[in-house]
Amino acid sequence: MKVENTKAQMRKGVLEYCILAILSRSDKYASDVISELKEAKMIVVEGTLYPLLTRLKNAELLTYRWEESTQGPPRKYYELTEKGRGFLSELDASWNELVDAVDIVKNK
């Protein structure tokens, strides 16, 4: 078993949570989301991000709007919906429970 495979699966498991957390702070253009994820060492490419954004939009957890750009075509900015904020709140609680459980297991 390769550790890189396990690490990739761990990242995939929290990617939607991270996207929602980023969008909870402010509306973002997709490339801004990718930049924040890369800064956090969450390796993500557009081919991974766009299907996730579409799935989150279809679940009514986020929405988007088009804004004119001075540097080219209009840009699609994503933002959390109220339903998305509630979902993120539930994920926050689940994440904290998971971290606590892992800490207990590791430190026993």
N, C-alpha and C. Protein backbone atom coordinates (compact mmCIF):
# COMPACT_ATOMS: atom_id res chain seq x y z
N MET A 1 0.86 -1.19 0.00
CA MET A 1 0.00 0.00 0.00
C MET A 1 0.89 1.24 0.00
N LYS A 2 0.54 2.19 -0.83
CA LYS A 2 1.33 3.42 -0.93
C LYS A 2 0.68 4.52 -0.11
N VAL A 3 1.49 5.23 0.64
CA VAL A 3 0.97 6.30 1.49
C VAL A 3 0.36 7.43 0.66
N GLU A 4 0.87 7.64 -0.54
CA GLU A 4 0.34 8.72 -1.38
C GLU A 4 -1.12 8.47 -1.73
N ASN A 5 -1.50 7.21 -1.96
CA ASN A 5 -2.90 6.90 -2.26
C ASN A 5 -3.80 7.24 -1.08
N THR A 6 -3.35 6.88 0.11
CA THR A 6 -4.14 7.16 1.31
C THR A 6 -4.24 8.66 1.54
N LYS A 7 -3.14 9.37 1.35
CA LYS A 7 -3.18 10.83 1.51
C LYS A 7 -4.14 11.47 0.52
N ALA A 8 -4.14 10.99 -0.71
CA ALA A 8 -5.05 11.54 -1.74
C ALA A 8 -6.50 11.29 -1.34
N GLN A 9 -6.80 10.10 -0.83
CA GLN A 9 -8.17 9.80 -0.40
C GLN A 9 -8.59 10.67 0.78
N MET A 10 -7.66 10.94 1.69
CA MET A 10 -7.97 11.82 2.83
C MET A 10 -8.30 13.23 2.33
N ARG A 11 -7.52 13.72 1.37
CA ARG A 11 -7.77 15.06 0.82
C ARG A 11 -9.12 15.11 0.11
N LYS A 12 -9.42 14.08 -0.67
CA LYS A 12 -10.70 14.04 -1.38
C LYS A 12 -11.86 14.06 -0.40
N GLY A 13 -11.68 13.39 0.73
CA GLY A 13 -12.75 13.30 1.72
C GLY A 13 -13.11 14.63 2.36
N VAL A 14 -12.17 15.55 2.39
CA VAL A 14 -12.44 16.84 3.03
C VAL A 14 -12.51 18.00 2.04
N LEU A 15 -12.40 17.70 0.77
CA LEU A 15 -12.34 18.77 -0.24
C LEU A 15 -13.63 19.60 -0.28
N GLU A 16 -14.78 18.96 -0.28
CA GLU A 16 -16.04 19.72 -0.31
C GLU A 16 -16.15 20.61 0.93
N TYR A 17 -15.77 20.06 2.07
CA TYR A 17 -15.79 20.83 3.32
C TYR A 17 -14.90 22.07 3.20
N CYS A 18 -13.72 21.89 2.65
CA CYS A 18 -12.79 23.01 2.48
C CYS A 18 -13.34 24.06 1.52
N ILE A 19 -13.96 23.62 0.44
CA ILE A 19 -14.55 24.56 -0.53
C ILE A 19 -15.64 25.38 0.14
N LEU A 20 -16.52 24.72 0.88
CA LEU A 20 -17.58 25.45 1.58
C LEU A 20 -17.00 26.42 2.61
N ALA A 21 -15.96 26.01 3.30
CA ALA A 21 -15.32 26.89 4.29
C ALA A 21 -14.73 28.13 3.62
N ILE A 22 -14.10 27.95 2.47
CA ILE A 22 -13.52 29.08 1.74
C ILE A 22 -14.63 30.03 1.30
N LEU A 23 -15.71 29.49 0.77
CA LEU A 23 -16.80 30.33 0.27
C LEU A 23 -17.60 30.96 1.41
N SER A 24 -17.47 30.44 2.62
CA SER A 24 -18.19 31.04 3.76
C SER A 24 -17.60 32.40 4.13
N ARG A 25 -16.36 32.63 3.78
CA ARG A 25 -15.69 33.90 4.12
C ARG A 25 -16.03 35.01 3.13
N SER A 26 -16.14 34.63 1.84
CA SER A 26 -16.51 35.61 0.82
C SER A 26 -16.77 34.89 -0.49
N ASP A 27 -17.46 35.58 -1.40
CA ASP A 27 -17.71 35.04 -2.73
C ASP A 27 -16.37 34.92 -3.44
N LYS A 28 -16.23 33.87 -4.24
CA LYS A 28 -14.95 33.64 -4.91
C LYS A 28 -15.14 33.20 -6.35
N TYR A 29 -14.19 33.57 -7.16
CA TYR A 29 -14.02 33.08 -8.51
C TYR A 29 -13.33 31.71 -8.39
N ALA A 30 -13.61 30.77 -9.27
CA ALA A 30 -13.07 29.41 -9.14
C ALA A 30 -11.55 29.39 -9.00
N SER A 31 -10.85 30.21 -9.76
CA SER A 31 -9.38 30.19 -9.66
C SER A 31 -8.91 30.69 -8.30
N ASP A 32 -9.70 31.56 -7.65
CA ASP A 32 -9.37 32.00 -6.29
C ASP A 32 -9.51 30.84 -5.30
N VAL A 33 -10.53 30.01 -5.50
CA VAL A 33 -10.72 28.83 -4.65
C VAL A 33 -9.53 27.89 -4.81
N ILE A 34 -9.13 27.65 -6.06
CA ILE A 34 -7.98 26.79 -6.32
C ILE A 34 -6.73 27.34 -5.66
N SER A 35 -6.52 28.65 -5.76
CA SER A 35 -5.34 29.27 -5.15
C SER A 35 -5.31 29.06 -3.63
N GLU A 36 -6.46 29.26 -2.99
CA GLU A 36 -6.51 29.07 -1.53
C GLU A 36 -6.25 27.61 -1.16
N LEU A 37 -6.80 26.70 -1.93
CA LEU A 37 -6.57 25.29 -1.65
C LEU A 37 -5.10 24.93 -1.83
N LYS A 38 -4.48 25.46 -2.90
CA LYS A 38 -3.06 25.18 -3.13
C LYS A 38 -2.18 25.78 -2.04
N GLU A 39 -2.53 26.98 -1.56
CA GLU A 39 -1.78 27.58 -0.46
C GLU A 39 -1.81 26.69 0.78
N ALA A 40 -2.92 25.99 0.95
CA ALA A 40 -3.09 25.10 2.11
C ALA A 40 -2.53 23.70 1.82
N LYS A 41 -1.84 23.54 0.69
CA LYS A 41 -1.27 22.26 0.28
C LYS A 41 -2.32 21.21 -0.07
N MET A 42 -3.50 21.68 -0.46
CA MET A 42 -4.56 20.79 -0.97
C MET A 42 -4.46 20.85 -2.49
N ILE A 43 -3.78 19.91 -3.07
CA ILE A 43 -3.52 19.93 -4.50
C ILE A 43 -4.83 19.68 -5.26
N VAL A 44 -5.25 20.67 -6.03
CA VAL A 44 -6.51 20.59 -6.76
C VAL A 44 -6.31 21.20 -8.14
N VAL A 45 -6.93 20.57 -9.13
CA VAL A 45 -6.89 21.11 -10.49
C VAL A 45 -8.32 21.46 -10.89
N GLU A 46 -8.44 22.25 -11.94
CA GLU A 46 -9.77 22.69 -12.39
C GLU A 46 -10.69 21.51 -12.69
N GLY A 47 -10.12 20.44 -13.25
CA GLY A 47 -10.92 19.27 -13.58
C GLY A 47 -11.53 18.59 -12.37
N THR A 48 -10.97 18.84 -11.20
CA THR A 48 -11.52 18.32 -9.95
C THR A 48 -12.50 19.31 -9.35
N LEU A 49 -12.16 20.59 -9.41
CA LEU A 49 -12.97 21.61 -8.74
C LEU A 49 -14.33 21.84 -9.39
N TYR A 50 -14.37 21.97 -10.70
CA TYR A 50 -15.63 22.33 -11.36
C TYR A 50 -16.75 21.30 -11.15
N PRO A 51 -16.47 20.00 -11.24
CA PRO A 51 -17.55 19.04 -10.94
C PRO A 51 -18.04 19.15 -9.49
N LEU A 52 -17.13 19.43 -8.56
CA LEU A 52 -17.54 19.61 -7.16
C LEU A 52 -18.41 20.84 -7.00
N LEU A 53 -18.03 21.93 -7.64
CA LEU A 53 -18.83 23.15 -7.57
C LEU A 53 -20.22 22.92 -8.17
N THR A 54 -20.28 22.18 -9.28
CA THR A 54 -21.56 21.88 -9.90
C THR A 54 -22.42 21.02 -8.97
N ARG A 55 -21.82 20.02 -8.34
CA ARG A 55 -22.56 19.16 -7.42
C ARG A 55 -23.08 19.95 -6.23
N LEU A 56 -22.26 20.84 -5.68
CA LEU A 56 -22.69 21.67 -4.55
C LEU A 56 -23.80 22.64 -4.97
N LYS A 57 -23.71 23.15 -6.20
CA LYS A 57 -24.77 24.03 -6.71
C LYS A 57 -26.07 23.25 -6.90
N ASN A 58 -25.98 22.07 -7.47
CA ASN A 58 -27.17 21.24 -7.68
C ASN A 58 -27.83 20.83 -6.37
N ALA A 59 -27.03 20.74 -5.31
CA ALA A 59 -27.56 20.42 -3.98
C ALA A 59 -28.07 21.67 -3.27
N GLU A 60 -28.02 22.81 -3.98
CA GLU A 60 -28.48 24.11 -3.47
C GLU A 60 -27.68 24.60 -2.26
N LEU A 61 -26.41 24.16 -2.19
CA LEU A 61 -25.53 24.62 -1.11
C LEU A 61 -24.79 25.88 -1.51
N LEU A 62 -24.69 26.12 -2.80
CA LEU A 62 -24.10 27.37 -3.28
C LEU A 62 -24.79 27.80 -4.55
N THR A 63 -24.53 29.04 -4.89
CA THR A 63 -25.07 29.61 -6.11
C THR A 63 -23.94 30.41 -6.75
N TYR A 64 -24.21 31.00 -7.90
CA TYR A 64 -23.19 31.82 -8.55
C TYR A 64 -23.84 33.00 -9.24
N ARG A 65 -22.99 33.95 -9.56
CA ARG A 65 -23.42 35.11 -10.32
C ARG A 65 -22.29 35.46 -11.29
N TRP A 66 -22.65 36.07 -12.38
CA TRP A 66 -21.67 36.51 -13.37
C TRP A 66 -21.30 37.95 -13.11
N GLU A 67 -20.00 38.26 -13.19
CA GLU A 67 -19.53 39.64 -13.08
C GLU A 67 -18.63 39.95 -14.25
N GLU A 68 -18.78 41.15 -14.77
CA GLU A 68 -17.90 41.59 -15.85
C GLU A 68 -16.47 41.68 -15.32
N SER A 69 -15.52 41.40 -16.20
CA SER A 69 -14.11 41.44 -15.84
C SER A 69 -13.40 42.46 -16.72
N THR A 70 -12.46 43.18 -16.14
CA THR A 70 -11.66 44.12 -16.93
C THR A 70 -10.57 43.38 -17.69
N GLN A 71 -10.37 42.11 -17.37
CA GLN A 71 -9.28 41.33 -17.98
C GLN A 71 -9.78 40.18 -18.83
N GLY A 72 -10.93 40.33 -19.47
CA GLY A 72 -11.42 39.26 -20.33
C GLY A 72 -12.91 39.05 -20.19
N PRO A 73 -13.35 37.81 -20.40
CA PRO A 73 -14.79 37.52 -20.35
C PRO A 73 -15.35 37.62 -18.93
N PRO A 74 -16.66 37.66 -18.80
CA PRO A 74 -17.27 37.71 -17.46
C PRO A 74 -16.83 36.51 -16.63
N ARG A 75 -16.81 36.72 -15.31
CA ARG A 75 -16.38 35.67 -14.39
C ARG A 75 -17.56 35.19 -13.55
N LYS A 76 -17.54 33.91 -13.26
CA LYS A 76 -18.58 33.30 -12.43
C LYS A 76 -18.06 33.29 -10.99
N TYR A 77 -18.78 33.99 -10.10
CA TYR A 77 -18.43 34.03 -8.68
C TYR A 77 -19.39 33.15 -7.90
N TYR A 78 -18.83 32.29 -7.07
CA TYR A 78 -19.62 31.36 -6.27
C TYR A 78 -19.83 31.91 -4.87
N GLU A 79 -21.01 31.62 -4.30
CA GLU A 79 -21.30 32.03 -2.93
C GLU A 79 -22.18 30.99 -2.26
N LEU A 80 -22.06 30.90 -0.94
CA LEU A 80 -22.88 29.97 -0.18
C LEU A 80 -24.32 30.46 -0.10
N THR A 81 -25.24 29.53 -0.12
CA THR A 81 -26.64 29.84 0.13
C THR A 81 -26.88 29.67 1.64
N GLU A 82 -28.06 30.03 2.09
CA GLU A 82 -28.40 29.80 3.50
C GLU A 82 -28.35 28.31 3.82
N LYS A 83 -28.85 27.50 2.89
CA LYS A 83 -28.79 26.05 3.07
C LYS A 83 -27.34 25.59 3.17
N GLY A 84 -26.47 26.19 2.38
CA GLY A 84 -25.05 25.87 2.41
C GLY A 84 -24.40 26.25 3.73
N ARG A 85 -24.81 27.39 4.28
CA ARG A 85 -24.28 27.81 5.59
C ARG A 85 -24.70 26.83 6.69
N GLY A 86 -25.95 26.38 6.64
CA GLY A 86 -26.42 25.40 7.61
C GLY A 86 -25.69 24.08 7.47
N PHE A 87 -25.48 23.65 6.21
CA PHE A 87 -24.76 22.41 5.95
C PHE A 87 -23.33 22.51 6.46
N LEU A 88 -22.68 23.66 6.21
CA LEU A 88 -21.32 23.87 6.68
C LEU A 88 -21.26 23.83 8.20
N SER A 89 -22.23 24.39 8.85
CA SER A 89 -22.28 24.36 10.31
C SER A 89 -22.33 22.91 10.82
N GLU A 90 -23.13 22.08 10.16
CA GLU A 90 -23.20 20.67 10.53
C GLU A 90 -21.86 19.97 10.27
N LEU A 91 -21.22 20.31 9.16
CA LEU A 91 -19.91 19.73 8.86
C LEU A 91 -18.87 20.16 9.89
N ASP A 92 -18.94 21.42 10.33
CA ASP A 92 -18.02 21.90 11.37
C ASP A 92 -18.12 21.03 12.62
N ALA A 93 -19.35 20.77 13.04
CA ALA A 93 -19.56 19.96 14.24
C ALA A 93 -19.03 18.54 14.01
N SER A 94 -19.31 17.97 12.84
CA SER A 94 -18.83 16.61 12.53
C SER A 94 -17.31 16.57 12.47
N TRP A 95 -16.72 17.60 11.89
CA TRP A 95 -15.25 17.66 11.80
C TRP A 95 -14.65 17.70 13.20
N ASN A 96 -15.19 18.53 14.07
CA ASN A 96 -14.66 18.63 15.43
C ASN A 96 -14.78 17.29 16.17
N GLU A 97 -15.90 16.61 15.99
CA GLU A 97 -16.08 15.29 16.61
C GLU A 97 -15.05 14.30 16.06
N LEU A 98 -14.82 14.34 14.76
CA LEU A 98 -13.86 13.43 14.14
C LEU A 98 -12.44 13.70 14.63
N VAL A 99 -12.05 14.96 14.69
CA VAL A 99 -10.72 15.32 15.18
C VAL A 99 -10.54 14.85 16.62
N ASP A 100 -11.56 15.06 17.45
CA ASP A 100 -11.49 14.62 18.84
C ASP A 100 -11.36 13.10 18.92
N ALA A 101 -12.13 12.38 18.11
CA ALA A 101 -12.07 10.92 18.12
C ALA A 101 -10.71 10.41 17.68
N VAL A 102 -10.15 11.01 16.64
CA VAL A 102 -8.83 10.59 16.17
C VAL A 102 -7.77 10.88 17.24
N ASP A 103 -7.86 12.04 17.88
CA ASP A 103 -6.93 12.38 18.96
C ASP A 103 -6.99 11.36 20.09
N ILE A 104 -8.20 10.94 20.44
CA ILE A 104 -8.37 9.93 21.50
C ILE A 104 -7.70 8.62 21.10
N VAL A 105 -7.95 8.19 19.86
CA VAL A 105 -7.38 6.95 19.38
C VAL A 105 -5.85 7.02 19.32
N LYS A 106 -5.34 8.14 18.83
CA LYS A 106 -3.89 8.30 18.70
C LYS A 106 -3.19 8.36 20.05
N ASN A 107 -3.82 8.98 21.02
CA ASN A 107 -3.15 9.26 22.28
C ASN A 107 -3.50 8.29 23.40
N LYS A 108 -4.20 7.24 23.10
CA LYS A 108 -4.60 6.29 24.13
C LYS A 108 -3.46 5.41 24.56
